[in-house]
Amino acid sequence: MKLTDQDPFPFGKYKDEPMEDVPASYLDWFIGQSWADNWPAVVDYIKDNRVMIDKELRNSGALDD
């Protein structure tokens, strides 16, 4: 199953929030967790949207160029 921006995040703090509303910092944290592969649709969403996530992180000062 391929997640879209409108699909709900499946668990945790942002459960049921649209994927597009989950903060980039949380998605960046998520992808770094050892258990992230248990949620392949979320991992694929992050990989597919990595450019935009990194842009948001840079704009927030959380990611250096």
C-alpha atoms as a PDB file:
ATOM      1  CA  MET A   1       0.000   0.000   0.000  1.00  0.00           C
ATOM      2  CA  LYS A   2       1.381   3.385  -1.021  1.00  0.00           C
ATOM      3  CA  LEU A   3       0.617   6.202   1.419  1.00  0.00           C
ATOM      4  CA  THR A   4      -0.473   9.594   0.137  1.00  0.00           C
ATOM      5  CA  ASP A   5      -0.324  12.986   1.834  1.00  0.00           C
ATOM      6  CA  GLN A   6      -3.953  12.534   2.909  1.00  0.00           C
ATOM      7  CA  ASP A   7      -3.550   9.077   4.460  1.00  0.00           C
ATOM      8  CA  PRO A   8      -3.430   8.917   8.259  1.00  0.00           C
ATOM      9  CA  PHE A   9      -0.182   8.302  10.091  1.00  0.00           C
ATOM     10  CA  PRO A  10      -0.634   4.792  11.526  1.00  0.00           C
ATOM     11  CA  PHE A  11       0.472   5.102  15.187  1.00  0.00           C
ATOM     12  CA  GLY A  12       1.940   7.095  18.042  1.00  0.00           C
ATOM     13  CA  LYS A  13       1.841  10.807  18.723  1.00  0.00           C
ATOM     14  CA  TYR A  14       0.553  11.656  15.239  1.00  0.00           C
ATOM     15  CA  LYS A  15      -1.807   8.695  14.819  1.00  0.00           C
ATOM     16  CA  ASP A  16      -4.647   9.507  12.431  1.00  0.00           C
ATOM     17  CA  GLU A  17      -3.085  12.834  11.382  1.00  0.00           C
ATOM     18  CA  PRO A  18      -2.705  13.216   7.610  1.00  0.00           C
ATOM     19  CA  MET A  19       0.822  12.265   6.561  1.00  0.00           C
ATOM     20  CA  GLU A  20       1.365  15.771   5.180  1.00  0.00           C
ATOM     21  CA  ASP A  21       0.719  17.217   8.659  1.00  0.00           C
ATOM     22  CA  VAL A  22       3.281  15.059  10.466  1.00  0.00           C
ATOM     23  CA  PRO A  23       6.293  17.293  11.187  1.00  0.00           C
ATOM     24  CA  ALA A  24       9.401  16.695   9.105  1.00  0.00           C
ATOM     25  CA  SER A  25      11.433  16.381  12.297  1.00  0.00           C
ATOM     26  CA  TYR A  26       9.252  13.464  13.412  1.00  0.00           C
ATOM     27  CA  LEU A  27       9.477  11.727  10.044  1.00  0.00           C
ATOM     28  CA  ASP A  28      13.257  12.230  10.076  1.00  0.00           C
ATOM     29  CA  TRP A  29      13.439  10.765  13.574  1.00  0.00           C
ATOM     30  CA  PHE A  30      11.156   7.875  12.611  1.00  0.00           C
ATOM     31  CA  ILE A  31      13.257   6.787   9.626  1.00  0.00           C
ATOM     32  CA  GLY A  32      16.303   6.539  11.880  1.00  0.00           C
ATOM     33  CA  GLN A  33      14.721   4.069  14.288  1.00  0.00           C
ATOM     34  CA  SER A  34      15.797   0.421  14.181  1.00  0.00           C
ATOM     35  CA  TRP A  35      12.162  -0.685  14.051  1.00  0.00           C
ATOM     36  CA  ALA A  36      11.118   1.644  11.206  1.00  0.00           C
ATOM     37  CA  ASP A  37      11.207  -1.243   8.725  1.00  0.00           C
ATOM     38  CA  ASN A  38       8.195  -2.698  10.553  1.00  0.00           C
ATOM     39  CA  TRP A  39       6.232   0.114   8.857  1.00  0.00           C
ATOM     40  CA  PRO A  40       7.288  -0.201   5.187  1.00  0.00           C
ATOM     41  CA  ALA A  41       4.541   2.083   3.851  1.00  0.00           C
ATOM     42  CA  VAL A  42       5.722   4.899   6.144  1.00  0.00           C
ATOM     43  CA  VAL A  43       9.366   4.290   5.196  1.00  0.00           C
ATOM     44  CA  ASP A  44       8.445   4.430   1.502  1.00  0.00           C
ATOM     45  CA  TYR A  45       6.463   7.638   2.042  1.00  0.00           C
ATOM     46  CA  ILE A  46       9.456   9.264   3.742  1.00  0.00           C
ATOM     47  CA  LYS A  47      11.831   8.108   1.009  1.00  0.00           C
ATOM     48  CA  ASP A  48       9.455   9.365  -1.690  1.00  0.00           C
ATOM     49  CA  ASN A  49       9.174  12.749   0.040  1.00  0.00           C
ATOM     50  CA  ARG A  50      12.760  13.083   1.283  1.00  0.00           C
ATOM     51  CA  VAL A  51      13.483  16.244  -0.726  1.00  0.00           C
ATOM     52  CA  MET A  52      10.512  18.084   0.788  1.00  0.00           C
ATOM     53  CA  ILE A  53      11.235  16.751   4.281  1.00  0.00           C
ATOM     54  CA  ASP A  54      14.841  17.948   4.062  1.00  0.00           C
ATOM     55  CA  LYS A  55      13.676  21.327   2.752  1.00  0.00           C
ATOM     56  CA  GLU A  56      11.342  21.721   5.731  1.00  0.00           C
ATOM     57  CA  LEU A  57      14.138  20.682   8.097  1.00  0.00           C
ATOM     58  CA  ARG A  58      16.523  23.233   6.540  1.00  0.00           C
ATOM     59  CA  ASN A  59      13.901  25.974   6.757  1.00  0.00           C
ATOM     60  CA  SER A  60      13.387  25.197  10.439  1.00  0.00           C
ATOM     61  CA  GLY A  61      17.133  25.207  11.085  1.00  0.00           C
ATOM     62  CA  ALA A  62      17.147  21.523  12.020  1.00  0.00           C
ATOM     63  CA  LEU A  63      19.279  20.505   9.039  1.00  0.00           C
ATOM     64  CA  ASP A  64      22.439  22.176   7.792  1.00  0.00           C
ATOM     65  CA  ASP A  65      23.280  22.356   4.095  1.00  0.00           C
END
